[in-house]
């Protein structure tokens, strides 16, 4: 495998499928769906060697590919992965297969364009996760934006899809512009100080950005990523985008696109600007805690299943941010694991909502009740996913939340106490929702006619259930991939902070923060 450009192949393989789809008759829906499924499945199979060949003992970037691109401006084609990006790449290729399969019956118009958009989106997501050049990362970041905008705006709910798509686009573009300005500023600051004008991330990691500039650059990067997460109070685009998007769009939005924000913090904002990250740490933790509790309380008030799941994302992603900014081993490990958990659990919830929406064309909780009597297999899977979402021991959700709370308590007791409040609220609104939808008497005659899961629906729900238990029972399989990376991340951030703290005008103030 040495010398084989596996990351390039994994990144661009979906586009090959998209090009082939161009030559298939747009009315030949079975062929379009089959080819899209084959390429998304092929992409997942191609990504598996990354997991098995990955060297666990080192934090160094692996499978690197470096080629000169626009040399006069210091732009390179530089790809590579570490233990964090490896797991997110696999999550992306895994979820894309299930999304394409779930769209077989849900998408009946413009099937060709839908499948092409989805495969382009996959290339954008994988590319952003493996790019080690800031310009290359920015290009993939923007590549993700257009297909997702189309998925919401063309195949979303006719009533508000345009509004939701435009809102999603404007929020994300605002963040993107800020990030672009910060990337250029970093490029010139580094070039002026070292004489080496480059966008290569590994080179920029070695550079100590002056303290004054760190605050501004961290602010710009952090705002771009906070919108993408989305953190409170930048979350308002999320419920609309989730609610109006088709089921497959909601799954990939929750499963992967939101992780681009949290990944951006851990890959760029914190390690490039460690002193600013430490300075803003209390603010970020406070916003994360507000998001956890606010998201849970608003979820409890929802009467639309999809909006309930959407607001629960705000709460769950608050945990990711809290663990990351605890900046200790337990917190960061839990944060990365929670990124994977959220993709599996919340992705599964959107699939489950999509299944009954296809049958009844309503998502209102009041329209259901007693479904377990007519859909027992559906009810069993729904229960497993619900329990994983509230973090029951033995499921994936427990491991991530436990570690995050452990890290939060270790960082500051009040962080842990407030974070634990969200766990209680989460259990309340999820179980209450499940009880109203699945138990009780069937009052609506239309629900008596509902059919249980068909083989295709079982085919895309069972892998999710397997992942829920695999990640809950044997988390070591995933931790061993990220341990070296997370350990190095924490040590590197703190050592670089110590190296720059002498430049601070108020050394005593910053030194006090390091005692945490």
Protein backbone atom coordinates (compact mmCIF):
# COMPACT_ATOMS: atom_id res chain seq x y z
CA UNK A 1 0.00 0.00 0.00
CA UNK A 2 3.07 2.26 0.45
CA UNK A 3 3.18 4.87 -2.29
CA UNK A 4 -0.44 4.24 -3.31
CA UNK A 5 -2.42 7.52 -3.13
CA UNK A 6 -5.22 6.00 -1.08
CA UNK A 7 -6.46 9.31 0.33
CA UNK A 8 -6.79 10.78 -3.16
CA UNK A 9 -8.70 7.70 -4.30
CA UNK A 10 -11.02 7.79 -1.27
CA UNK A 11 -11.60 11.52 -1.71
CA UNK A 12 -12.45 11.55 -5.41
CA UNK A 13 -13.99 8.10 -5.95
CA UNK A 14 -17.56 9.43 -5.38
CA UNK A 15 -17.08 11.99 -8.17
CA UNK A 16 -16.35 9.13 -10.58
CA UNK A 17 -19.77 7.79 -9.67
CA UNK A 18 -21.33 11.22 -10.19
CA UNK A 19 -19.80 11.44 -13.68
CA UNK A 20 -21.15 7.99 -14.61
CA UNK A 21 -24.60 9.07 -13.42
CA UNK A 22 -24.48 11.90 -15.96
CA UNK A 23 -24.66 9.34 -18.77
CA UNK A 24 -27.68 7.46 -17.42
CA UNK A 25 -31.19 8.38 -18.58
CA UNK A 26 -32.82 10.59 -15.95
CA UNK A 27 -36.01 8.49 -16.11
CA UNK A 28 -34.16 5.26 -15.37
CA UNK A 29 -34.52 5.58 -11.61
CA UNK A 30 -33.54 1.98 -10.72
CA UNK A 31 -30.22 2.32 -12.57
CA UNK A 32 -29.50 5.73 -11.04
CA UNK A 33 -30.15 4.46 -7.53
CA UNK A 34 -28.16 1.27 -8.06
CA UNK A 35 -25.10 3.04 -9.44
CA UNK A 36 -25.15 5.63 -6.63
CA UNK A 37 -25.43 2.85 -4.05
CA UNK A 38 -22.60 0.87 -5.65
CA UNK A 39 -20.26 3.87 -5.58
CA UNK A 40 -21.13 4.87 -2.03
CA UNK A 41 -20.64 1.26 -0.92
CA UNK A 42 -17.40 1.08 -2.90
CA UNK A 43 -16.26 4.26 -1.18
CA UNK A 44 -16.91 2.72 2.23
CA UNK A 45 -15.00 -0.44 1.29
CA UNK A 46 -12.09 1.65 -0.03
CA UNK A 47 -11.91 3.56 3.26
CA UNK A 48 -11.71 0.42 5.44
CA UNK A 49 -7.97 -0.23 4.80
CA UNK A 50 -7.30 3.16 6.40
CA UNK A 51 -8.64 1.78 9.68
CA UNK A 52 -6.74 -1.51 9.58
CA UNK A 53 -3.42 -0.08 8.30
CA UNK A 54 -3.42 2.94 10.62
CA UNK A 55 -0.50 2.91 13.06
CA UNK A 56 -2.00 3.41 16.52
CA UNK A 57 1.16 4.28 18.42
CA UNK A 58 1.99 7.58 16.72
CA UNK A 59 0.35 10.97 16.57
CA UNK A 60 1.99 11.77 13.24
CA UNK A 61 -0.13 12.33 10.15
CA UNK A 62 -0.32 9.13 8.12
CA UNK A 63 -0.93 8.20 4.46
CA UNK A 64 0.41 11.66 3.57
CA UNK A 65 0.43 12.83 -0.02
CA UNK A 66 2.30 16.05 -0.83
CA UNK A 67 2.45 17.51 -4.30
CA UNK A 68 3.29 21.06 -5.40
CA UNK A 69 0.19 22.82 -6.68
CA UNK A 70 0.47 26.61 -6.92
CA UNK A 71 4.06 26.93 -5.77
CA UNK A 72 4.38 30.67 -6.26
CA UNK A 73 1.75 31.18 -3.53
CA UNK A 74 2.84 28.34 -1.23
CA UNK A 75 -0.26 26.24 -1.94
CA UNK A 76 0.27 22.47 -1.92
CA UNK A 77 -1.87 19.43 -2.50
CA UNK A 78 -1.27 18.00 0.96
CA UNK A 79 -3.45 15.21 2.37
CA UNK A 80 -3.07 13.16 5.54
CA UNK A 81 -5.00 11.78 8.49
CA UNK A 82 -4.47 11.27 12.20
CA UNK A 83 -6.54 9.33 14.72
CA UNK A 84 -9.30 11.95 14.81
CA UNK A 85 -9.78 12.51 11.09
CA UNK A 86 -9.53 8.75 10.45
CA UNK A 87 -12.64 8.03 12.53
CA UNK A 88 -14.58 10.91 10.99
CA UNK A 89 -13.71 9.79 7.46
CA UNK A 90 -15.05 6.32 8.26
CA UNK A 91 -18.19 7.81 9.80
CA UNK A 92 -18.73 9.79 6.57
CA UNK A 93 -18.34 6.84 4.20
CA UNK A 94 -20.48 4.62 6.47
CA UNK A 95 -23.37 7.08 6.76
CA UNK A 96 -23.38 7.95 3.06
CA UNK A 97 -24.18 4.35 2.08
CA UNK A 98 -27.16 4.29 4.45
CA UNK A 99 -28.35 7.72 3.30
CA UNK A 100 -28.35 6.69 -0.36
CA UNK A 101 -30.22 3.49 0.50
CA UNK A 102 -32.79 5.37 2.57
CA UNK A 103 -33.46 7.77 -0.33
CA UNK A 104 -34.58 4.99 -2.70
CA UNK A 105 -38.27 5.51 -1.98
CA UNK A 106 -38.20 8.96 -0.37
CA UNK A 107 -36.78 10.73 -3.46
CA UNK A 108 -39.04 10.39 -6.51
CA UNK A 109 -38.28 13.61 -8.39
CA UNK A 110 -34.97 14.63 -9.94
CA UNK A 111 -33.42 11.37 -8.75
CA UNK A 112 -30.41 11.82 -11.02
CA UNK A 113 -29.58 15.27 -9.68
CA UNK A 114 -30.13 14.12 -6.09
CA UNK A 115 -27.69 11.23 -6.37
CA UNK A 116 -25.07 13.39 -8.12
CA UNK A 117 -25.38 16.04 -5.41
CA UNK A 118 -24.96 13.44 -2.70
CA UNK A 119 -21.81 11.97 -4.24
CA UNK A 120 -20.32 15.46 -4.69
CA UNK A 121 -21.17 16.19 -1.08
CA UNK A 122 -19.31 13.06 0.00
CA UNK A 123 -16.17 14.19 -1.83
CA UNK A 124 -16.40 17.59 -0.14
CA UNK A 125 -16.77 16.05 3.32
CA UNK A 126 -13.94 13.54 2.95
CA UNK A 127 -11.71 16.15 1.33
CA UNK A 128 -12.20 18.62 4.19
CA UNK A 129 -11.26 15.91 6.70
CA UNK A 130 -8.02 14.88 4.96
CA UNK A 131 -6.79 18.28 3.69
CA UNK A 132 -3.61 19.56 5.37
CA UNK A 133 -3.33 22.76 3.34
CA UNK A 134 -5.54 25.65 4.42
CA UNK A 135 -6.52 26.63 0.87
CA UNK A 136 -7.31 23.03 0.00
CA UNK A 137 -9.38 22.72 3.17
CA UNK A 138 -11.25 25.91 2.32
CA UNK A 139 -12.05 24.63 -1.18
CA UNK A 140 -13.49 21.37 0.16
CA UNK A 141 -15.35 23.35 2.84
CA UNK A 142 -17.07 25.35 0.10
CA UNK A 143 -17.66 22.23 -2.04
CA UNK A 144 -19.82 20.90 0.81
CA UNK A 145 -21.95 24.02 0.88
CA UNK A 146 -23.51 23.89 -2.60
CA UNK A 147 -24.77 20.24 -2.63
CA UNK A 148 -26.22 20.67 0.87
CA UNK A 149 -27.94 23.89 -0.21
CA UNK A 150 -29.48 21.99 -3.16
CA UNK A 151 -30.54 19.04 -1.00
CA UNK A 152 -32.52 21.38 1.26
CA UNK A 153 -33.76 23.79 -1.42
CA UNK A 154 -34.79 21.27 -4.12
CA UNK A 155 -35.81 18.12 -2.25
CA UNK A 156 -36.91 19.63 1.07
CA UNK A 157 -40.42 20.27 2.34
CA UNK A 158 -42.16 22.47 -0.31
CA UNK A 159 -43.61 24.80 2.31
CA UNK A 160 -40.39 26.32 3.70
CA UNK A 161 -37.48 24.69 1.88
CA UNK A 162 -36.30 27.86 0.10
CA UNK A 163 -36.32 29.84 3.34
CA UNK A 164 -34.36 27.11 5.14
CA UNK A 165 -31.86 26.68 2.30
CA UNK A 166 -31.15 30.41 1.99
CA UNK A 167 -30.78 30.73 5.77
CA UNK A 168 -28.34 27.80 5.84
CA UNK A 169 -26.37 29.30 2.94
CA UNK A 170 -26.14 32.81 4.40
CA UNK A 171 -25.04 31.63 7.85
CA UNK A 172 -22.41 29.29 6.45
CA UNK A 173 -21.13 31.84 3.93
CA UNK A 174 -20.75 34.47 6.64
CA UNK A 175 -18.55 32.07 8.58
CA UNK A 176 -16.64 31.09 5.46
CA UNK A 177 -15.74 34.69 4.62
CA UNK A 178 -14.40 35.27 8.12
CA UNK A 179 -12.35 32.08 7.90
CA UNK A 180 -10.92 33.08 4.51
CA UNK A 181 -9.82 36.46 5.86
CA UNK A 182 -8.19 34.75 8.86
CA UNK A 183 -6.40 32.23 6.60
CA UNK A 184 -4.93 35.06 4.51
CA UNK A 185 -3.91 37.03 7.61
CA UNK A 186 -2.18 33.96 9.04
CA UNK A 187 -0.42 33.39 5.70
CA UNK A 188 1.04 36.91 5.66
CA UNK A 189 1.93 36.97 9.36
CA UNK A 190 3.79 33.66 9.03
CA UNK A 191 5.46 34.72 5.77
CA UNK A 192 6.61 38.07 7.15
CA UNK A 193 8.06 36.47 10.28
CA UNK A 194 9.76 33.46 8.67
CA UNK A 195 10.20 34.38 5.02
CA UNK A 196 8.26 31.23 4.11
CA UNK A 197 4.86 32.05 2.65
CA UNK A 198 2.86 28.84 2.97
CA UNK A 199 -0.63 27.50 3.65
CA UNK A 200 0.70 24.12 4.78
CA UNK A 201 -0.90 23.30 8.13
CA UNK A 202 2.00 21.25 9.50
CA UNK A 203 4.38 24.17 8.83
CA UNK A 204 1.99 26.62 10.46
CA UNK A 205 1.75 24.37 13.54
CA UNK A 206 5.45 25.07 14.17
CA UNK A 207 4.91 28.83 14.18
CA UNK A 208 4.13 30.80 17.30
CA UNK A 209 1.57 33.39 16.23
CA UNK A 210 2.03 36.69 18.14
CA UNK A 211 -0.43 37.00 21.01
CA UNK A 212 -2.21 40.08 19.71
CA UNK A 213 -2.89 38.44 16.38
CA UNK A 214 -3.95 35.18 18.01
CA UNK A 215 -7.05 36.74 19.57
CA UNK A 216 -8.30 38.15 16.27
CA UNK A 217 -7.49 35.06 14.23
CA UNK A 218 -8.94 32.68 16.81
CA UNK A 219 -12.07 34.82 16.91
CA UNK A 220 -12.53 34.61 13.13
CA UNK A 221 -11.89 30.87 12.93
CA UNK A 222 -13.99 30.20 16.04
CA UNK A 223 -16.96 32.16 14.71
CA UNK A 224 -16.87 30.25 11.41
CA UNK A 225 -16.75 26.91 13.19
CA UNK A 226 -19.25 27.91 15.91
CA UNK A 227 -21.83 28.63 13.19
CA UNK A 228 -21.19 25.23 11.65
CA UNK A 229 -21.38 23.29 14.97
CA UNK A 230 -23.77 25.17 15.66
CA UNK A 231 -23.14 26.64 19.11
CA UNK A 232 -25.62 28.77 21.00
CA UNK A 233 -26.47 31.53 19.94
CA UNK A 234 -25.50 30.72 16.32
CA UNK A 235 -27.84 27.73 16.10
CA UNK A 236 -30.98 29.29 14.63
CA UNK A 237 -30.37 28.01 11.10
CA UNK A 238 -30.17 24.39 12.28
CA UNK A 239 -33.80 23.55 13.21
CA UNK A 240 -35.06 24.99 9.91
CA UNK A 241 -32.43 23.18 7.83
CA UNK A 242 -33.02 19.88 9.61
CA UNK A 243 -36.80 20.14 9.48
CA UNK A 244 -37.08 21.10 5.83
CA UNK A 245 -34.33 18.81 4.44
CA UNK A 246 -35.20 15.36 3.08
CA UNK A 247 -34.40 12.48 5.44
CA UNK A 248 -31.05 11.64 3.84
CA UNK A 249 -30.08 15.32 3.98
CA UNK A 250 -30.96 15.56 7.66
CA UNK A 251 -28.94 12.43 8.42
CA UNK A 252 -25.79 13.61 6.67
CA UNK A 253 -26.20 17.13 8.05
CA UNK A 254 -26.39 15.83 11.62
CA UNK A 255 -23.97 12.98 11.10
CA UNK A 256 -21.10 14.72 9.35
CA UNK A 257 -21.59 18.36 8.34
CA UNK A 258 -22.09 19.62 11.88
CA UNK A 259 -18.90 17.78 12.86
CA UNK A 260 -16.97 20.00 10.46
CA UNK A 261 -17.40 22.77 13.02
CA UNK A 262 -16.15 20.74 15.99
CA UNK A 263 -13.40 19.24 13.81
CA UNK A 264 -12.38 22.75 12.79
CA UNK A 265 -11.87 23.73 16.42
CA UNK A 266 -9.69 20.72 17.19
CA UNK A 267 -7.73 20.80 13.92
CA UNK A 268 -7.26 24.55 13.38
CA UNK A 269 -8.58 27.04 15.93
CA UNK A 270 -7.12 25.54 19.12
CA UNK A 271 -3.69 24.24 18.00
CA UNK A 272 -2.91 27.26 15.80
CA UNK A 273 -3.89 29.80 18.46
CA UNK A 274 -3.43 28.03 21.83
CA UNK A 275 -3.11 31.12 24.00
CA UNK A 276 -6.25 32.70 22.59
CA UNK A 277 -8.07 29.38 22.99
CA UNK A 278 -7.08 29.28 26.65
CA UNK A 279 -8.17 32.88 27.12
CA UNK A 280 -11.58 32.28 25.56
CA UNK A 281 -12.00 28.91 27.28
CA UNK A 282 -14.45 30.10 29.99
CA UNK A 283 -16.64 31.80 27.38
CA UNK A 284 -16.75 28.75 25.12
CA UNK A 285 -17.55 26.44 28.05
CA UNK A 286 -20.31 28.79 29.21
CA UNK A 287 -21.89 28.86 25.73
CA UNK A 288 -21.58 25.08 25.50
CA UNK A 289 -23.41 24.66 28.81
CA UNK A 290 -26.14 27.10 27.76
CA UNK A 291 -26.51 25.11 24.54
CA UNK A 292 -26.79 21.82 26.46
CA UNK A 293 -29.55 23.03 28.76
CA UNK A 294 -31.33 25.31 26.26
CA UNK A 295 -31.37 22.60 23.57
CA UNK A 296 -32.83 20.09 26.02
CA UNK A 297 -35.53 22.45 27.30
CA UNK A 298 -36.61 23.53 23.80
CA UNK A 299 -36.66 19.89 22.66
CA UNK A 300 -39.08 19.12 25.46
CA UNK A 301 -41.52 21.72 24.10
CA UNK A 302 -41.56 20.49 20.48
CA UNK A 303 -44.61 18.86 18.94
CA UNK A 304 -42.82 18.06 15.65
CA UNK A 305 -40.61 14.97 15.83
CA UNK A 306 -37.99 16.31 13.46
CA UNK A 307 -37.67 19.64 15.24
CA UNK A 308 -37.33 17.77 18.53
CA UNK A 309 -34.41 15.77 17.14
CA UNK A 310 -32.94 18.94 15.60
CA UNK A 311 -32.93 20.83 18.90
CA UNK A 312 -31.51 17.77 20.67
CA UNK A 313 -28.50 18.19 18.35
CA UNK A 314 -27.85 21.62 19.85
CA UNK A 315 -27.73 19.97 23.26
CA UNK A 316 -25.56 17.02 22.20
CA UNK A 317 -23.08 19.20 20.34
CA UNK A 318 -22.80 21.38 23.44
CA UNK A 319 -21.31 18.30 25.12
CA UNK A 320 -18.79 17.95 22.30
CA UNK A 321 -17.64 21.54 22.79
CA UNK A 322 -17.58 21.25 26.57
CA UNK A 323 -15.37 18.16 26.47
CA UNK A 324 -13.04 19.66 23.88
CA UNK A 325 -12.48 22.85 25.88
CA UNK A 326 -12.01 20.94 29.13
CA UNK A 327 -8.61 20.35 27.52
CA UNK A 328 -7.82 17.18 29.45
CA UNK A 329 -7.54 13.59 28.24
CA UNK A 330 -10.99 12.48 29.36
CA UNK A 331 -12.75 15.54 28.01
CA UNK A 332 -11.14 15.52 24.57
CA UNK A 333 -11.46 11.74 24.19
CA UNK A 334 -15.13 12.00 25.12
CA UNK A 335 -15.58 14.93 22.74
CA UNK A 336 -14.21 13.02 19.75
CA UNK A 337 -16.21 9.93 20.70
CA UNK A 338 -19.35 12.03 21.06
CA UNK A 339 -18.85 13.33 17.52
CA UNK A 340 -19.11 9.72 16.32
CA UNK A 341 -21.99 8.94 18.70
CA UNK A 342 -24.02 11.88 17.54
CA UNK A 343 -23.59 10.80 13.93
CA UNK A 344 -24.89 7.33 14.73
CA UNK A 345 -27.63 8.10 17.26
CA UNK A 346 -29.07 11.30 15.81
CA UNK A 347 -28.63 9.99 12.27
CA UNK A 348 -30.67 6.95 13.30
CA UNK A 349 -33.36 9.14 14.84
CA UNK A 350 -33.76 11.09 11.60
CA UNK A 351 -34.02 7.81 9.66
CA UNK A 352 -36.69 6.60 12.08
CA UNK A 353 -38.68 9.81 11.72
CA UNK A 354 -38.30 9.56 7.94
CA UNK A 355 -39.77 6.05 7.92
CA UNK A 356 -43.07 7.04 9.51
CA UNK A 357 -43.16 10.33 7.59
CA UNK A 358 -43.08 8.35 4.32
CA UNK A 359 -46.09 6.35 5.53
CA UNK A 360 -48.19 9.11 7.10
CA UNK A 361 -46.77 12.36 5.64
CA UNK A 362 -46.84 13.96 9.07
CA UNK A 363 -44.22 14.40 11.77
CA UNK A 364 -46.50 15.68 14.51
CA UNK A 365 -46.27 13.67 17.71
CA UNK A 366 -50.01 14.08 18.35
CA UNK A 367 -50.80 12.21 15.12
CA UNK A 368 -49.27 9.02 16.43
CA UNK A 369 -49.55 6.85 19.54
CA UNK A 370 -49.68 3.10 19.99
CA UNK A 371 -47.45 2.37 16.99
CA UNK A 372 -45.70 -0.47 18.83
CA UNK A 373 -48.87 -2.56 18.33
CA UNK A 374 -48.68 -2.44 14.54
CA UNK A 375 -44.93 -1.90 14.03
CA UNK A 376 -43.10 -4.11 16.57
CA UNK A 377 -39.76 -4.28 14.73
CA UNK A 378 -39.82 -0.53 14.22
CA UNK A 379 -40.62 -0.06 17.91
CA UNK A 380 -37.70 -2.26 19.01
CA UNK A 381 -35.18 -0.36 16.88
CA UNK A 382 -36.69 2.98 17.92
CA UNK A 383 -36.27 2.00 21.57
CA UNK A 384 -32.60 1.03 21.09
CA UNK A 385 -31.85 4.31 19.33
CA UNK A 386 -33.70 6.30 22.00
CA UNK A 387 -31.70 4.61 24.77
CA UNK A 388 -28.44 5.28 22.93
CA UNK A 389 -29.39 8.93 22.55
CA UNK A 390 -29.93 9.32 26.30
CA UNK A 391 -26.66 7.53 27.06
CA UNK A 392 -27.76 4.23 28.59
CA UNK A 393 -24.74 2.09 29.67
CA UNK A 394 -23.96 -0.50 27.03
CA UNK A 395 -24.79 1.87 24.21
CA UNK A 396 -22.50 4.31 22.40
CA UNK A 397 -23.98 7.43 24.00
CA UNK A 398 -22.94 6.45 27.51
CA UNK A 399 -19.20 6.28 26.79
CA UNK A 400 -18.92 9.74 25.27
CA UNK A 401 -21.09 11.56 27.79
CA UNK A 402 -19.43 9.81 30.74
CA UNK A 403 -15.95 10.86 29.62
CA UNK A 404 -17.05 14.41 28.83
CA UNK A 405 -18.62 14.84 32.26
CA UNK A 406 -15.51 13.31 33.85
CA UNK A 407 -13.34 15.80 31.99
CA UNK A 408 -15.71 18.67 32.82
CA UNK A 409 -15.67 17.88 36.56
CA UNK A 410 -11.87 17.66 36.40
CA UNK A 411 -11.66 21.07 34.71
CA UNK A 412 -14.17 22.83 36.98
CA UNK A 413 -16.86 21.31 39.19
CA UNK A 414 -19.59 23.69 38.07
CA UNK A 415 -19.05 22.62 34.45
CA UNK A 416 -19.69 19.01 35.43
CA UNK A 417 -22.76 19.80 37.54
CA UNK A 418 -24.45 21.88 34.83
CA UNK A 419 -23.47 19.38 32.15
CA UNK A 420 -25.08 16.56 34.15
CA UNK A 421 -28.33 18.55 34.22
CA UNK A 422 -28.55 18.15 30.47
CA UNK A 423 -28.33 14.36 30.81
CA UNK A 424 -31.39 14.32 33.05
CA UNK A 425 -33.34 16.65 30.77
CA UNK A 426 -32.29 14.60 27.73
CA UNK A 427 -33.65 11.40 29.24
CA UNK A 428 -36.91 13.17 30.10
CA UNK A 429 -37.73 14.57 26.66
CA UNK A 430 -36.57 11.49 24.71
CA UNK A 431 -38.51 8.96 26.81
CA UNK A 432 -41.58 11.21 26.89
CA UNK A 433 -41.47 11.48 23.10
CA UNK A 434 -41.08 7.72 22.73
CA UNK A 435 -43.97 7.05 25.08
CA UNK A 436 -46.32 9.38 23.18
CA UNK A 437 -45.43 7.94 19.77
CA UNK A 438 -45.18 4.23 20.51
CA UNK A 439 -47.41 3.44 23.50
CA UNK A 440 -51.06 3.97 24.45
CA UNK A 441 -54.17 3.39 22.37
CA UNK A 442 -54.26 3.88 18.61
CA UNK A 443 -56.69 6.79 18.26
CA UNK A 444 -56.13 7.55 14.59
CA UNK A 445 -57.55 4.84 12.27
CA UNK A 446 -54.82 5.59 9.71
CA UNK A 447 -52.21 4.28 12.12
CA UNK A 448 -53.90 0.85 12.16
CA UNK A 449 -52.92 0.40 8.50
CA UNK A 450 -49.22 1.14 9.00
CA UNK A 451 -46.85 -1.57 7.86
CA UNK A 452 -43.75 -2.58 9.77
CA UNK A 453 -40.25 -2.16 8.37
CA UNK A 454 -39.58 -3.62 4.95
CA UNK A 455 -36.28 -5.43 4.11
CA UNK A 456 -34.65 -2.28 2.69
CA UNK A 457 -35.45 -0.28 5.82
CA UNK A 458 -34.12 -3.09 7.99
CA UNK A 459 -30.98 -3.14 5.83
CA UNK A 460 -30.10 0.46 6.66
CA UNK A 461 -31.26 0.43 10.31
CA UNK A 462 -29.50 -2.77 11.43
CA UNK A 463 -25.95 -1.42 10.75
CA UNK A 464 -26.82 1.57 12.94
CA UNK A 465 -27.96 -0.74 15.76
CA UNK A 466 -24.77 -2.80 15.43
CA UNK A 467 -22.66 0.35 15.71
CA UNK A 468 -24.64 1.49 18.78
CA UNK A 469 -23.75 -1.69 20.66
CA UNK A 470 -20.23 -2.09 19.24
CA UNK A 471 -19.26 1.44 20.31
CA UNK A 472 -21.00 1.00 23.66
CA UNK A 473 -19.55 -2.39 24.56
CA UNK A 474 -16.09 -2.26 22.99
CA UNK A 475 -15.01 1.41 22.78
CA UNK A 476 -11.34 0.39 22.89
CA UNK A 477 -11.59 -0.46 19.20
CA UNK A 478 -11.97 3.27 18.50
CA UNK A 479 -10.01 4.77 21.39
CA UNK A 480 -6.83 2.96 20.39
CA UNK A 481 -6.93 4.82 17.09
CA UNK A 482 -7.23 8.27 18.65
CA UNK A 483 -5.31 7.97 21.96
CA UNK A 484 -1.90 9.04 20.62
CA UNK A 485 -3.42 11.91 18.66
CA UNK A 486 -5.47 13.23 21.57
CA UNK A 487 -2.56 12.93 24.01
CA UNK A 488 -0.28 14.86 21.66
CA UNK A 489 -2.98 17.47 21.00
CA UNK A 490 -3.33 18.30 24.70
CA UNK A 491 0.42 18.35 25.39
CA UNK A 492 1.14 20.40 22.28
CA UNK A 493 -1.51 23.02 23.02
CA UNK A 494 -0.33 23.46 26.60
CA UNK A 495 3.36 23.53 25.72
CA UNK A 496 2.75 26.09 22.95
CA UNK A 497 0.70 28.14 25.35
CA UNK A 498 3.55 28.10 27.83
CA UNK A 499 5.98 29.11 25.09
CA UNK A 500 3.93 32.20 24.21
CA UNK A 501 2.72 33.19 27.66
CA UNK A 502 5.89 35.21 28.22
CA UNK A 503 4.71 37.57 25.47
CA UNK A 504 1.54 38.35 27.37
CA UNK A 505 1.17 41.83 28.87
CA UNK A 506 -0.44 40.24 31.89
CA UNK A 507 1.67 37.20 32.52
CA UNK A 508 0.23 36.57 35.95
CA UNK A 509 -3.32 36.46 34.58
CA UNK A 510 -2.55 33.88 31.90
CA UNK A 511 -0.29 31.85 34.15
CA UNK A 512 -3.20 31.56 36.54
CA UNK A 513 -5.28 29.88 33.82
CA UNK A 514 -2.67 27.21 33.30
CA UNK A 515 -3.17 25.94 36.83
CA UNK A 516 -6.49 24.50 35.76
